[in-house]
Amino acid sequence: MAIERKMFRGMFAPGEVVQLKQYCFTPGRVFAPGKYIVGELPDVAFEMALVEQLPPVKGKNAEIKNTEAPPEQE
């Protein structure tokens, strides 16, 4: 007998980045597998257990870097 894994959006922080393991089809959009912020995904992705928490990042990669272009110097 398999153990059912119940998941819901409240298990994750609102701004947390999670991994969508499979395609998630909704009437308005198709979500491809990849990394998403919890608030971007529909509830059905969590209910169907298509979402995984990402492992913590160690070392220098743990620092969040500014991805915006640096300001132009004159």
C-alpha atoms as a PDB file:
ATOM      1  CA  MET A   1       0.000   0.000   0.000  1.00  0.00           C
ATOM      2  CA  ALA A   2       1.433   3.381  -0.994  1.00  0.00           C
ATOM      3  CA  ILE A   3       1.502   6.332   1.355  1.00  0.00           C
ATOM      4  CA  GLU A   4      -0.370   9.321  -0.026  1.00  0.00           C
ATOM      5  CA  ARG A   5       1.590  12.547   0.079  1.00  0.00           C
ATOM      6  CA  LYS A   6      -0.735  15.479   0.787  1.00  0.00           C
ATOM      7  CA  MET A   7       0.655  18.862  -0.156  1.00  0.00           C
ATOM      8  CA  PHE A   8      -0.725  22.372  -0.179  1.00  0.00           C
ATOM      9  CA  ARG A   9       0.538  25.875  -0.902  1.00  0.00           C
ATOM     10  CA  GLY A  10       0.794  26.701   2.824  1.00  0.00           C
ATOM     11  CA  MET A  11       3.714  24.276   3.213  1.00  0.00           C
ATOM     12  CA  PHE A  12       5.961  26.783   1.442  1.00  0.00           C
ATOM     13  CA  ALA A  13       6.870  30.422   2.095  1.00  0.00           C
ATOM     14  CA  PRO A  14       5.047  32.805  -0.303  1.00  0.00           C
ATOM     15  CA  GLY A  15       8.263  33.970  -2.013  1.00  0.00           C
ATOM     16  CA  GLU A  16      10.045  30.608  -1.969  1.00  0.00           C
ATOM     17  CA  VAL A  17      11.401  29.171  -5.215  1.00  0.00           C
ATOM     18  CA  VAL A  18      10.233  25.602  -5.865  1.00  0.00           C
ATOM     19  CA  GLN A  19      10.760  23.002  -8.594  1.00  0.00           C
ATOM     20  CA  LEU A  20       7.798  21.958 -10.769  1.00  0.00           C
ATOM     21  CA  LYS A  21       8.538  18.319 -11.668  1.00  0.00           C
ATOM     22  CA  GLN A  22       6.011  17.796 -14.503  1.00  0.00           C
ATOM     23  CA  TYR A  23       3.830  19.787 -16.842  1.00  0.00           C
ATOM     24  CA  CYS A  24       0.816  21.330 -15.114  1.00  0.00           C
ATOM     25  CA  PHE A  25      -2.180  22.064 -17.341  1.00  0.00           C
ATOM     26  CA  THR A  26      -4.788  24.639 -16.320  1.00  0.00           C
ATOM     27  CA  PRO A  27      -7.626  26.107 -18.411  1.00  0.00           C
ATOM     28  CA  GLY A  28      -5.679  29.340 -18.868  1.00  0.00           C
ATOM     29  CA  ARG A  29      -2.057  28.254 -19.054  1.00  0.00           C
ATOM     30  CA  VAL A  30       0.409  25.380 -19.339  1.00  0.00           C
ATOM     31  CA  PHE A  31       3.241  25.404 -16.796  1.00  0.00           C
ATOM     32  CA  ALA A  32       6.407  23.677 -18.027  1.00  0.00           C
ATOM     33  CA  PRO A  33       8.748  21.905 -15.590  1.00  0.00           C
ATOM     34  CA  GLY A  34      11.232  24.273 -13.982  1.00  0.00           C
ATOM     35  CA  LYS A  35      11.736  26.683 -11.114  1.00  0.00           C
ATOM     36  CA  TYR A  36       8.888  28.953 -10.038  1.00  0.00           C
ATOM     37  CA  ILE A  37       8.021  31.233  -7.154  1.00  0.00           C
ATOM     38  CA  VAL A  38       5.266  29.632  -5.044  1.00  0.00           C
ATOM     39  CA  GLY A  39       2.806  32.444  -5.837  1.00  0.00           C
ATOM     40  CA  GLU A  40       3.126  31.874  -9.609  1.00  0.00           C
ATOM     41  CA  LEU A  41       1.842  28.291  -9.549  1.00  0.00           C
ATOM     42  CA  PRO A  42      -1.819  27.231  -9.328  1.00  0.00           C
ATOM     43  CA  ASP A  43      -3.148  25.331  -6.300  1.00  0.00           C
ATOM     44  CA  VAL A  44      -3.659  22.207  -8.427  1.00  0.00           C
ATOM     45  CA  ALA A  45       0.132  21.868  -8.873  1.00  0.00           C
ATOM     46  CA  PHE A  46       0.503  21.537  -5.103  1.00  0.00           C
ATOM     47  CA  GLU A  47      -2.537  19.271  -4.677  1.00  0.00           C
ATOM     48  CA  MET A  48      -1.239  16.868  -7.332  1.00  0.00           C
ATOM     49  CA  ALA A  49       2.232  16.841  -5.663  1.00  0.00           C
ATOM     50  CA  LEU A  50       3.949  18.187  -8.776  1.00  0.00           C
ATOM     51  CA  VAL A  51       6.019  20.604  -6.682  1.00  0.00           C
ATOM     52  CA  GLU A  52       9.237  19.902  -4.759  1.00  0.00           C
ATOM     53  CA  GLN A  53      11.138  22.074  -2.355  1.00  0.00           C
ATOM     54  CA  LEU A  54      14.622  22.894  -3.639  1.00  0.00           C
ATOM     55  CA  PRO A  55      17.551  21.750  -1.489  1.00  0.00           C
ATOM     56  CA  PRO A  56      19.438  24.503   0.332  1.00  0.00           C
ATOM     57  CA  VAL A  57      22.315  26.046  -1.593  1.00  0.00           C
ATOM     58  CA  LYS A  58      25.745  25.856   0.021  1.00  0.00           C
ATOM     59  CA  GLY A  59      28.876  27.919  -0.399  1.00  0.00           C
ATOM     60  CA  LYS A  60      29.290  31.001  -2.549  1.00  0.00           C
ATOM     61  CA  ASN A  61      26.213  30.123  -4.601  1.00  0.00           C
ATOM     62  CA  ALA A  62      24.037  30.829  -1.541  1.00  0.00           C
ATOM     63  CA  GLU A  63      24.610  34.557  -2.011  1.00  0.00           C
ATOM     64  CA  ILE A  64      21.928  36.216  -4.097  1.00  0.00           C
ATOM     65  CA  LYS A  65      23.533  38.276  -6.800  1.00  0.00           C
ATOM     66  CA  ASN A  66      22.038  41.343  -8.453  1.00  0.00           C
ATOM     67  CA  THR A  67      21.024  40.253 -11.964  1.00  0.00           C
ATOM     68  CA  GLU A  68      20.247  43.747 -13.186  1.00  0.00           C
ATOM     69  CA  ALA A  69      22.695  45.509 -15.484  1.00  0.00           C
ATOM     70  CA  PRO A  70      25.108  47.811 -13.648  1.00  0.00           C
ATOM     71  CA  PRO A  71      24.432  51.546 -14.031  1.00  0.00           C
ATOM     72  CA  GLU A  72      26.231  53.185 -16.913  1.00  0.00           C
ATOM     73  CA  GLN A  73      29.214  55.318 -15.955  1.00  0.00           C
ATOM     74  CA  GLU A  74      29.912  58.598 -17.685  1.00  0.00           C
END
